[in-house]
Amino acid sequence: MYKKKGQLPPGPTPWPILGNLFQQDVLPLKKSYKKLTEKYGPIFTIWIGSKPMVALCGYEVVKDALINQAEEFGGRSYTPFHRRMNQNKGISTNDEKKWRELRRFTLSTLRDFGMGKKRMSERVQEEALCLVEEMAATKGQPFDPRRNLASAVSNVICTVVFGNRFDYKDQTFIENQQIVEFQTRFLTGFLGLVYNTFPKTMEYIFGRHIESETEKVYDYIREKVELHKKTLDPQNPCDYIDCFLHRMEKEQNSSERIYTLDDLVITVLALFTAGTITTSQTLLRSLLTMAKLPHIQAKVQQEIDEVVGTNRTPSMEDRLKMPFTNAVVHEVQRYGPESLENFPRATTCDVKFHGYTIPKYMAVVPVLSSVHRDLLHWETPEKFNPDHFLNEKGQFRKRDAFMPFSAGKRACPGEALAKMELFLFFSTLLQNFTFSLDGDTKDMDIMSLFMIFQNKNQSLLIRAVNRSVDTCVQ
C-alpha cells in the first residue's frame, strides 16, 4: 500500500489502511504543521488512507510551487466527493481543456457584468445598505448575524448569475444557502477527508442525503435556466445564465461540446457557493474581531468618520485614504483559519522540487496557515496586528506572504469581487454600528469565538448598536 513511501518526502508514519487520518498530531495541518516542519522540514508527506499527499509549508516553498512553478503544480486533484456531486462537469472539472475554457469564459463574463469595476462596487454599496437596514431592525438586541451576512454577500453574485437579488426572508434563498453551507462544512471538515478516503462506505452513510439536498439546489437552478430560455435575447444578455445559454446555442453543431446544460447548472452552483461562503465567513470574523477588540473598532470608526463622514456610504475610492481600515480587513484574512487538505492541487508532471522528485498526479497541499504565520515574514504572526499592513508612516503596504485567495494557476477567480465586498460591507457596517458580544466572552480569543459561531448549535450572539441617528446612513 505504501510502496512509494521511500520515494517521497519524509513524513509521519502512517497506519495501515487509515494512513495518518486519525492521528491528531498530524491532521488538521493548520494545527500541526509547526511540529511537523520542525521534524521533517517544510516539505513532508502525509497519507490520507492509502493515498499520499505532499504538504508545502512556509512562504518561500509555497511561492516557489504556486508561482515559480505554476504549471507543474497547477493540476487539480479530483476527489470522490467532487466526482459524486459534480460528475466531473462544470468549472470544477479536472478535464484540463474544458476547465481552461470554462474558467476563461466565466472570468470574461463576470468582468463584462462589472466584476472589479465601478458598477459592481455600486451594486455592493446598495446591498450594504440593505444589510444595514436588516441589522438596524434588531435595535441593539442580541442576534445571530450569520444569515444576514450570508444573504447580503450571496445577493451580489446572484445579481450577476441570475439577474436579480433576493429578499433576506425568502425561504428558498435561505434553504439554498443552508444546503451549500452544510455541503461546504462537510467537505472542508474531517468527515470530508474520511469520505474521500472511504467513499463507498461514506456514500452508504451520508451520500444519499447530501446528494438529495444538492439536487434541490440543482433543480432550482434548472428552473431558473428554463425561465431564462424563454426570455433570452442573444444581443442583450442580462446575466451569466443568458451568456452561457447563448454560447450553448453557438456550439450546437460542434462535435466537441463544452457548454452543456449540466455544465451550466453545476457551474452556477459553484459560483453561488464560492460567492457566498468564504466572504460571508470572513465578514463574520471581522465583526467578531471588532467586538472583541473595541480599541481597534474605535480606530476604524474614527477613520471612517474623518474620510467618509455620515452623509454617504464608503466607496472603493475611499480605500486609499483609509489605510487602517484596509489593514484591518487584510489582517482578518491573514489571521483566519485555512485548511485545504480537502482541496489539494496535483502535479501535472514529474517535478524536481527542493531536492525531491514529486511524481506526476501527486496530490499537493499548500498550507496557507504556514504562509500567514511565517516568522520570517510577519513581525507578530500569532497576534492580531493591523500594523502588519502599515508602514512607519501609517500608509498601507502590501505583503508578499499574503495569499488568502491562494496563488498561481488555480488562484480564486473571484478575488477582485471578494476584496471589494469585504471592504465595502465592513466599512459600511462600522460606519453605522458599534458591535459587541453578548454574554461572558472574556476568556475567549478571536479564533475560539469564530469556531463557536461556526458550530451549528452555537449560543453566542452579537449586538449591533446604532452609533447615532445622525451617523446611520439612510
Protein backbone atom coordinates (compact mmCIF):
# COMPACT_ATOMS: atom_id res chain seq x y z
CA MET A 1 0.00 0.00 0.00
CA TYR A 2 2.84 2.37 0.82
CA LYS A 3 5.26 1.14 -1.86
CA LYS A 4 6.06 4.72 -2.94
CA LYS A 5 6.82 5.86 0.59
CA GLY A 6 10.58 5.68 0.15
CA GLN A 7 10.46 7.88 -2.97
CA LEU A 8 8.51 10.73 -1.35
CA PRO A 9 9.48 13.48 1.10
CA PRO A 10 9.61 12.16 4.69
CA GLY A 11 6.64 12.43 7.00
CA PRO A 12 4.81 10.92 9.95
CA THR A 13 4.45 7.14 9.89
CA PRO A 14 1.05 6.12 8.50
CA TRP A 15 -1.14 3.42 9.98
CA PRO A 16 -2.22 0.55 7.72
CA ILE A 17 -5.34 1.38 5.67
CA LEU A 18 -6.03 4.59 7.64
CA GLY A 19 -2.79 6.40 6.89
CA ASN A 20 -2.47 9.49 9.12
CA LEU A 21 -6.22 10.09 9.03
CA PHE A 22 -6.99 9.61 12.72
CA GLN A 23 -3.65 10.88 14.06
CA GLN A 24 -4.48 14.12 15.89
CA ASP A 25 -0.84 15.21 15.87
CA VAL A 26 -0.99 15.26 12.04
CA LEU A 27 -4.45 16.47 10.99
CA PRO A 28 -5.68 19.12 10.56
CA LEU A 29 -2.47 20.59 9.17
CA LYS A 30 -3.34 24.14 10.27
CA LYS A 31 -2.79 22.95 13.85
CA SER A 32 0.08 20.51 13.35
CA TYR A 33 2.28 21.97 10.60
CA LYS A 34 4.69 23.68 13.01
CA LYS A 35 5.70 20.48 14.80
CA LEU A 36 5.78 18.56 11.53
CA THR A 37 8.06 21.12 9.84
CA GLU A 38 10.38 21.11 12.85
CA LYS A 39 10.77 17.36 12.45
CA TYR A 40 10.59 16.83 8.67
CA GLY A 41 11.28 20.24 7.12
CA PRO A 42 8.96 22.49 5.05
CA ILE A 43 8.08 19.69 2.60
CA PHE A 44 6.65 16.47 4.00
CA THR A 45 4.26 13.67 3.10
CA ILE A 46 1.06 12.72 4.88
CA TRP A 47 -1.20 9.81 3.99
CA ILE A 48 -4.96 10.10 3.62
CA GLY A 49 -5.79 6.43 3.83
CA SER A 50 -3.55 4.71 1.29
CA LYS A 51 -3.04 7.87 -0.79
CA PRO A 52 -0.05 10.15 -0.22
CA MET A 53 -0.29 13.94 -0.17
CA VAL A 54 2.72 16.27 -0.17
CA ALA A 55 2.39 19.28 2.15
CA LEU A 56 4.21 22.55 1.37
CA CYS A 57 4.91 24.93 4.26
CA GLY A 58 6.32 28.44 4.58
CA TYR A 59 6.17 31.35 2.16
CA GLU A 60 9.30 30.56 0.15
CA VAL A 61 8.32 26.95 -0.56
CA VAL A 62 4.67 27.74 -1.32
CA LYS A 63 5.61 30.67 -3.57
CA ASP A 64 8.15 28.54 -5.42
CA ALA A 65 5.49 25.92 -6.14
CA LEU A 66 2.43 28.04 -6.88
CA ILE A 67 4.07 30.96 -8.67
CA ASN A 68 7.53 29.99 -9.92
CA GLN A 69 6.41 26.50 -10.99
CA ALA A 70 2.74 27.27 -11.55
CA GLU A 71 2.28 24.90 -14.49
CA GLU A 72 3.88 21.93 -12.75
CA PHE A 73 1.77 22.44 -9.60
CA GLY A 74 -1.35 23.64 -11.40
CA GLY A 75 -3.29 20.39 -11.72
CA ARG A 76 -6.45 19.56 -9.82
CA SER A 77 -6.73 16.51 -7.62
CA TYR A 78 -10.27 15.29 -8.24
CA THR A 79 -11.77 13.74 -5.10
CA PRO A 80 -14.54 11.12 -4.81
CA PHE A 81 -16.78 13.75 -3.21
CA HIS A 82 -16.43 16.08 -6.21
CA ARG A 83 -16.92 13.17 -8.58
CA ARG A 84 -20.16 12.23 -6.84
CA MET A 85 -21.56 15.76 -6.63
CA ASN A 86 -20.29 17.29 -9.89
CA GLN A 87 -19.96 14.31 -12.26
CA ASN A 88 -16.70 15.87 -13.47
CA LYS A 89 -18.63 18.68 -15.15
CA GLY A 90 -18.74 22.45 -14.94
CA ILE A 91 -15.95 24.69 -13.76
CA SER A 92 -14.97 22.05 -11.16
CA THR A 93 -13.94 19.53 -13.82
CA ASN A 94 -10.47 18.02 -13.93
CA ASP A 95 -10.62 17.93 -17.74
CA GLU A 96 -7.84 20.44 -18.35
CA LYS A 97 -9.09 21.71 -21.73
CA LYS A 98 -12.66 22.08 -20.54
CA TRP A 99 -11.59 23.70 -17.25
CA ARG A 100 -9.46 26.29 -19.07
CA GLU A 101 -12.28 27.20 -21.44
CA LEU A 102 -14.98 27.43 -18.74
CA ARG A 103 -12.71 29.42 -16.42
CA ARG A 104 -11.79 31.82 -19.25
CA PHE A 105 -15.46 32.24 -20.23
CA THR A 106 -16.57 32.71 -16.61
CA LEU A 107 -13.93 35.31 -15.79
CA SER A 108 -14.63 37.20 -19.01
CA THR A 109 -18.40 37.15 -18.40
CA LEU A 110 -18.06 38.24 -14.77
CA ARG A 111 -15.88 41.15 -15.91
CA ASP A 112 -18.45 42.06 -18.57
CA PHE A 113 -21.03 42.33 -15.80
CA GLY A 114 -18.83 44.61 -13.75
CA MET A 115 -16.62 42.44 -11.55
CA GLY A 116 -13.86 44.69 -10.26
CA LYS A 117 -15.46 47.76 -11.85
CA LYS A 118 -17.37 50.77 -10.56
CA ARG A 119 -20.84 49.48 -11.41
CA MET A 120 -20.19 46.35 -9.35
CA SER A 121 -18.98 48.44 -6.42
CA GLU A 122 -22.21 50.44 -6.66
CA ARG A 123 -24.17 47.16 -6.52
CA VAL A 124 -22.26 46.14 -3.39
CA GLN A 125 -22.91 49.56 -1.85
CA GLU A 126 -26.65 49.13 -2.47
CA GLU A 127 -26.60 45.68 -0.86
CA ALA A 128 -24.60 47.02 2.07
CA LEU A 129 -27.42 49.48 2.79
CA CYS A 130 -29.92 46.60 2.72
CA LEU A 131 -27.73 44.81 5.25
CA VAL A 132 -27.59 47.94 7.43
CA GLU A 133 -31.39 48.10 7.35
CA GLU A 134 -31.67 44.45 8.45
CA MET A 135 -29.23 44.95 11.32
CA ALA A 136 -30.86 48.21 12.39
CA ALA A 137 -34.10 46.26 12.83
CA THR A 138 -32.50 44.33 15.71
CA LYS A 139 -32.48 47.63 17.71
CA GLY A 140 -29.33 46.71 19.59
CA GLN A 141 -30.69 43.40 20.84
CA PRO A 142 -28.56 40.22 20.68
CA PHE A 143 -28.85 38.36 17.37
CA ASP A 144 -27.11 35.82 15.17
CA PRO A 145 -25.62 37.74 12.21
CA ARG A 146 -24.72 34.74 10.07
CA ARG A 147 -27.84 34.57 7.93
CA ASN A 148 -27.93 38.30 7.19
CA LEU A 149 -24.24 38.33 6.25
CA ALA A 150 -24.60 35.29 4.00
CA SER A 151 -27.69 36.73 2.30
CA ALA A 152 -26.02 40.07 1.63
CA VAL A 153 -22.89 38.53 0.15
CA SER A 154 -24.86 35.93 -1.80
CA ASN A 155 -27.10 38.59 -3.34
CA VAL A 156 -24.10 40.19 -5.03
CA ILE A 157 -23.21 37.07 -7.01
CA CYS A 158 -26.91 36.27 -7.54
CA THR A 159 -27.45 39.55 -9.41
CA VAL A 160 -24.66 38.57 -11.80
CA VAL A 161 -25.66 34.91 -12.21
CA PHE A 162 -29.48 35.02 -12.00
CA GLY A 163 -30.08 38.68 -12.82
CA ASN A 164 -31.84 39.52 -9.55
CA ARG A 165 -31.34 39.77 -5.80
CA PHE A 166 -33.48 38.03 -3.17
CA ASP A 167 -35.25 39.21 -0.05
CA TYR A 168 -33.39 38.16 3.10
CA LYS A 169 -36.52 36.33 4.27
CA ASP A 170 -37.03 34.40 1.01
CA GLN A 171 -37.28 30.80 2.26
CA THR A 172 -35.95 29.18 -0.93
CA PHE A 173 -32.98 31.57 -0.90
CA ILE A 174 -32.29 30.70 2.74
CA GLU A 175 -32.67 26.96 2.12
CA ASN A 176 -30.24 27.07 -0.81
CA GLN A 177 -27.71 28.87 1.38
CA GLN A 178 -28.13 26.32 4.16
CA ILE A 179 -27.59 23.43 1.76
CA VAL A 180 -24.34 24.82 0.34
CA GLU A 181 -23.19 25.75 3.85
CA PHE A 182 -23.76 22.20 5.06
CA GLN A 183 -22.05 20.78 1.98
CA THR A 184 -19.06 23.08 2.49
CA ARG A 185 -18.83 22.28 6.22
CA PHE A 186 -18.91 18.58 5.41
CA LEU A 187 -16.37 18.81 2.61
CA THR A 188 -13.88 21.01 4.47
CA GLY A 189 -14.16 19.13 7.75
CA PHE A 190 -12.82 15.83 8.98
CA LEU A 191 -15.78 13.90 7.56
CA GLY A 192 -14.84 15.18 4.12
CA LEU A 193 -11.41 13.59 4.45
CA VAL A 194 -12.99 10.34 5.63
CA TYR A 195 -15.45 10.44 2.72
CA ASN A 196 -12.64 10.83 0.19
CA THR A 197 -10.70 8.00 1.87
CA PHE A 198 -13.56 5.51 2.13
CA PRO A 199 -16.06 6.77 -0.47
CA LYS A 200 -18.19 3.63 -0.76
CA THR A 201 -18.74 3.36 2.98
CA MET A 202 -19.41 7.09 3.39
CA GLU A 203 -21.73 7.19 0.39
CA TYR A 204 -23.80 4.50 2.07
CA ILE A 205 -23.97 6.56 5.29
CA PHE A 206 -24.12 10.16 4.02
CA GLY A 207 -24.10 10.08 0.24
CA ARG A 208 -27.82 9.86 -0.46
CA HIS A 209 -28.69 12.66 1.97
CA ILE A 210 -26.03 15.04 0.63
CA GLU A 211 -26.89 14.19 -2.96
CA SER A 212 -30.63 14.69 -2.43
CA GLU A 213 -30.05 18.05 -0.75
CA THR A 214 -27.70 19.17 -3.52
CA GLU A 215 -30.24 18.04 -6.10
CA LYS A 216 -32.74 20.51 -4.59
CA VAL A 217 -30.39 23.37 -5.48
CA TYR A 218 -29.72 21.89 -8.92
CA ASP A 219 -33.49 21.68 -9.54
CA TYR A 220 -33.88 25.32 -8.51
CA ILE A 221 -31.11 26.36 -10.91
CA ARG A 222 -32.69 24.29 -13.71
CA GLU A 223 -35.99 26.12 -13.16
CA LYS A 224 -34.17 29.44 -13.43
CA VAL A 225 -32.43 28.28 -16.62
CA GLU A 226 -35.77 27.30 -18.20
CA LEU A 227 -37.16 30.76 -17.42
CA HIS A 228 -34.06 32.33 -18.96
CA LYS A 229 -34.53 30.27 -22.14
CA LYS A 230 -37.95 31.86 -22.65
CA THR A 231 -36.66 35.43 -22.33
CA LEU A 232 -33.20 35.05 -23.88
CA ASP A 233 -32.13 37.86 -26.19
CA PRO A 234 -28.67 36.93 -27.53
CA GLN A 235 -27.98 40.56 -28.40
CA ASN A 236 -28.76 41.76 -24.87
CA PRO A 237 -27.81 39.12 -22.30
CA CYS A 238 -28.94 40.08 -18.81
CA ASP A 239 -26.72 37.82 -16.72
CA TYR A 240 -24.30 34.88 -16.63
CA ILE A 241 -27.00 32.30 -17.42
CA ASP A 242 -28.03 34.22 -20.55
CA CYS A 243 -24.42 34.35 -21.75
CA PHE A 244 -23.93 30.63 -21.16
CA LEU A 245 -27.17 29.76 -22.98
CA HIS A 246 -26.08 31.90 -25.93
CA ARG A 247 -22.76 30.06 -26.02
CA MET A 248 -24.63 26.73 -25.92
CA GLU A 249 -26.62 27.78 -28.99
CA LYS A 250 -23.47 28.73 -30.88
CA GLU A 251 -21.89 25.38 -30.03
CA GLN A 252 -24.85 23.18 -31.04
CA ASN A 253 -23.21 21.85 -34.20
CA SER A 254 -19.80 21.35 -32.64
CA SER A 255 -18.50 17.77 -32.35
CA GLU A 256 -16.76 18.54 -29.04
CA ARG A 257 -19.26 20.25 -26.78
CA ILE A 258 -18.04 22.12 -23.71
CA TYR A 259 -21.12 24.21 -23.00
CA THR A 260 -23.95 21.88 -21.95
CA LEU A 261 -26.94 22.26 -19.65
CA ASP A 262 -25.29 20.11 -16.97
CA ASP A 263 -22.13 22.21 -17.17
CA LEU A 264 -24.21 25.38 -16.75
CA VAL A 265 -26.13 24.08 -13.73
CA ILE A 266 -23.02 22.78 -11.96
CA THR A 267 -21.03 25.95 -12.71
CA VAL A 268 -23.84 28.16 -11.38
CA LEU A 269 -23.88 26.18 -8.13
CA ALA A 270 -20.09 26.54 -7.89
CA LEU A 271 -20.38 30.32 -8.36
CA PHE A 272 -23.22 30.55 -5.83
CA THR A 273 -21.18 28.59 -3.28
CA ALA A 274 -17.88 30.38 -3.87
CA GLY A 275 -19.62 33.75 -3.95
CA THR A 276 -21.32 33.16 -0.61
CA ILE A 277 -19.33 31.06 1.84
CA THR A 278 -15.79 32.41 2.19
CA THR A 279 -16.60 36.13 2.03
CA SER A 280 -19.52 35.89 4.48
CA GLN A 281 -17.37 33.89 6.91
CA THR A 282 -14.59 36.47 6.65
CA LEU A 283 -17.10 39.26 7.34
CA LEU A 284 -18.32 37.35 10.38
CA ARG A 285 -14.74 37.07 11.64
CA SER A 286 -14.23 40.79 11.09
CA LEU A 287 -17.28 41.69 13.21
CA LEU A 288 -16.29 39.25 15.96
CA THR A 289 -12.79 40.74 15.94
CA MET A 290 -14.15 44.28 16.27
CA ALA A 291 -16.44 43.20 19.10
CA LYS A 292 -13.54 41.51 20.88
CA LEU A 293 -11.09 44.39 20.28
CA PRO A 294 -13.09 47.61 20.84
CA HIS A 295 -9.99 49.83 20.70
CA ILE A 296 -9.38 48.72 17.10
CA GLN A 297 -13.07 49.09 16.28
CA ALA A 298 -13.00 52.68 17.58
CA LYS A 299 -9.94 53.50 15.47
CA VAL A 300 -11.60 52.11 12.33
CA GLN A 301 -14.73 54.17 13.04
CA GLN A 302 -12.67 57.31 13.58
CA GLU A 303 -11.01 56.87 10.19
CA ILE A 304 -14.37 56.24 8.50
CA ASP A 305 -15.84 59.37 10.12
CA GLU A 306 -12.89 61.50 9.01
CA VAL A 307 -12.74 60.24 5.41
CA VAL A 308 -16.35 59.38 4.57
CA GLY A 309 -18.43 61.27 7.11
CA THR A 310 -22.10 60.47 7.67
CA ASN A 311 -23.87 61.68 4.54
CA ARG A 312 -22.82 58.91 2.13
CA THR A 313 -21.66 55.30 2.12
CA PRO A 314 -17.98 54.31 1.79
CA SER A 315 -16.77 53.70 -1.76
CA MET A 316 -13.79 51.93 -3.30
CA GLU A 317 -12.28 55.34 -4.00
CA ASP A 318 -12.08 55.86 -0.22
CA ARG A 319 -9.88 52.81 0.33
CA LEU A 320 -6.63 54.62 -0.50
CA LYS A 321 -7.48 57.24 2.12
CA MET A 322 -8.38 54.61 4.75
CA PRO A 323 -5.15 52.67 5.33
CA PHE A 324 -6.03 51.49 8.83
CA THR A 325 -9.44 50.13 7.82
CA ASN A 326 -7.84 48.43 4.81
CA ALA A 327 -5.15 46.98 7.07
CA VAL A 328 -7.76 45.58 9.46
CA VAL A 329 -9.62 43.87 6.59
CA HIS A 330 -6.36 42.29 5.40
CA GLU A 331 -5.33 41.24 8.91
CA VAL A 332 -8.67 39.50 9.44
CA GLN A 333 -7.92 37.43 6.34
CA ARG A 334 -4.34 36.68 7.41
CA TYR A 335 -5.34 35.72 10.93
CA GLY A 336 -8.19 33.43 9.90
CA PRO A 337 -8.16 29.65 9.67
CA GLU A 338 -7.23 27.90 6.45
CA SER A 339 -7.46 24.16 5.94
CA LEU A 340 -7.04 22.96 2.38
CA GLU A 341 -6.31 19.26 2.83
CA ASN A 342 -9.70 18.63 1.21
CA PHE A 343 -8.84 20.83 -1.82
CA PRO A 344 -5.41 19.58 -2.91
CA ARG A 345 -3.70 20.51 -6.12
CA ALA A 346 -1.92 17.94 -8.25
CA THR A 347 1.34 17.88 -10.14
CA THR A 348 0.98 17.79 -13.92
CA CYS A 349 4.32 16.04 -14.47
CA ASP A 350 7.24 14.60 -12.51
CA VAL A 351 8.67 17.61 -10.66
CA LYS A 352 12.13 18.10 -9.17
CA PHE A 353 11.47 20.35 -6.20
CA HIS A 354 13.82 21.32 -3.38
CA GLY A 355 15.79 18.09 -3.64
CA TYR A 356 12.78 15.79 -4.03
CA THR A 357 11.16 14.24 -7.08
CA ILE A 358 7.40 14.56 -6.77
CA PRO A 359 5.59 12.19 -9.17
CA LYS A 360 3.03 13.23 -11.75
CA TYR A 361 -0.58 13.41 -10.47
CA MET A 362 0.60 13.60 -6.85
CA ALA A 363 -1.81 15.43 -4.54
CA VAL A 364 -0.14 18.56 -3.14
CA VAL A 365 -1.50 20.85 -0.43
CA PRO A 366 -0.03 24.33 0.14
CA VAL A 367 -0.52 25.03 3.86
CA LEU A 368 -1.58 28.69 3.71
CA SER A 369 -1.64 28.98 7.51
CA SER A 370 2.11 28.42 7.42
CA VAL A 371 2.47 31.30 4.94
CA HIS A 372 0.35 33.65 7.04
CA ARG A 373 2.21 32.70 10.24
CA ASP A 374 5.71 32.60 8.74
CA LEU A 375 8.14 34.08 11.30
CA LEU A 376 10.44 35.27 8.53
CA HIS A 377 7.72 37.48 7.04
CA TRP A 378 5.45 38.58 9.89
CA GLU A 379 6.52 40.55 12.95
CA THR A 380 3.93 39.08 15.35
CA PRO A 381 2.35 36.18 13.43
CA GLU A 382 0.35 34.76 16.35
CA LYS A 383 -1.16 38.12 17.27
CA PHE A 384 -3.95 40.05 15.54
CA ASN A 385 -2.00 43.12 14.49
CA PRO A 386 -3.16 45.52 11.71
CA ASP A 387 0.33 47.08 11.78
CA HIS A 388 1.43 44.11 9.67
CA PHE A 389 -0.08 46.01 6.74
CA LEU A 390 1.09 49.52 7.64
CA ASN A 391 4.48 51.15 7.10
CA GLU A 392 6.20 53.50 9.52
CA LYS A 393 4.20 56.43 8.08
CA GLY A 394 0.89 54.68 8.68
CA GLN A 395 0.36 54.04 4.97
CA PHE A 396 -0.99 50.74 3.71
CA ARG A 397 1.64 48.29 2.47
CA LYS A 398 1.20 45.07 0.54
CA ARG A 399 2.82 41.92 1.87
CA ASP A 400 4.23 39.16 -0.32
CA ALA A 401 3.41 36.45 2.23
CA PHE A 402 -0.33 37.14 1.97
CA MET A 403 -2.26 34.52 -0.01
CA PRO A 404 -5.87 34.30 1.23
CA PHE A 405 -7.02 33.54 -2.32
CA SER A 406 -4.15 31.12 -2.93
CA ALA A 407 -1.87 31.98 -5.87
CA GLY A 408 -0.81 30.92 -9.33
CA LYS A 409 -2.80 29.00 -11.89
CA ARG A 410 -5.55 27.83 -9.52
CA ALA A 411 -5.98 31.07 -7.58
CA CYS A 412 -9.54 32.07 -6.73
CA PRO A 413 -11.18 33.63 -9.83
CA GLY A 414 -13.43 35.80 -7.64
CA GLU A 415 -10.60 37.57 -5.82
CA ALA A 416 -11.38 41.06 -7.15
CA LEU A 417 -15.05 40.80 -6.19
CA ALA A 418 -14.29 39.36 -2.75
CA LYS A 419 -11.85 42.19 -1.96
CA MET A 420 -14.45 44.75 -2.98
CA GLU A 421 -17.19 43.14 -0.90
CA LEU A 422 -15.02 42.80 2.21
CA PHE A 423 -14.00 46.45 2.21
CA LEU A 424 -17.42 47.93 1.36
CA PHE A 425 -19.54 45.72 3.63
CA PHE A 426 -17.12 46.05 6.54
CA SER A 427 -16.68 49.82 6.32
CA THR A 428 -20.41 50.45 5.83
CA LEU A 429 -21.30 48.33 8.86
CA LEU A 430 -18.68 50.05 11.04
CA GLN A 431 -19.91 53.43 9.82
CA ASN A 432 -23.37 52.64 11.19
CA PHE A 433 -22.89 50.31 14.15
CA THR A 434 -20.72 49.52 17.12
CA PHE A 435 -20.50 45.76 17.62
CA SER A 436 -20.25 43.96 20.93
CA LEU A 437 -20.57 40.38 22.13
CA ASP A 438 -23.46 39.21 24.26
CA GLY A 439 -22.56 37.11 27.29
CA ASP A 440 -19.32 36.26 29.07
CA THR A 441 -16.58 36.06 26.43
CA LYS A 442 -13.73 37.49 28.48
CA ASP A 443 -11.61 34.34 28.36
CA MET A 444 -12.23 33.55 24.67
CA ASP A 445 -9.80 34.51 21.94
CA ILE A 446 -10.88 35.55 18.45
CA MET A 447 -10.50 32.11 16.88
CA SER A 448 -12.45 30.44 19.69
CA LEU A 449 -15.29 32.89 19.14
CA PHE A 450 -15.32 32.20 15.42
CA MET A 451 -15.35 28.43 15.92
CA ILE A 452 -18.31 28.78 18.32
CA PHE A 453 -20.23 30.75 15.71
CA GLN A 454 -19.33 28.14 13.11
CA ASN A 455 -20.88 25.48 15.31
CA LYS A 456 -24.47 24.92 14.24
CA ASN A 457 -25.61 24.85 17.87
CA GLN A 458 -23.78 27.99 18.92
CA SER A 459 -25.19 30.01 21.79
CA LEU A 460 -23.18 33.23 21.47
CA LEU A 461 -24.88 36.26 19.95
CA ILE A 462 -23.71 39.69 18.83
CA ARG A 463 -25.14 43.19 19.28
CA ALA A 464 -25.16 45.90 16.60
CA VAL A 465 -25.75 49.20 18.40
CA ASN A 466 -26.66 52.12 16.19
CA ARG A 467 -23.88 54.68 16.57
CA SER A 468 -26.42 57.53 16.46
CA VAL A 469 -29.41 58.71 14.48
CA ASP A 470 -27.12 61.13 12.67
CA THR A 471 -24.50 58.59 11.60
CA CYS A 472 -26.93 55.95 10.37
CA VAL A 473 -26.92 56.25 6.59
CA GLN A 474 -30.47 56.32 5.27
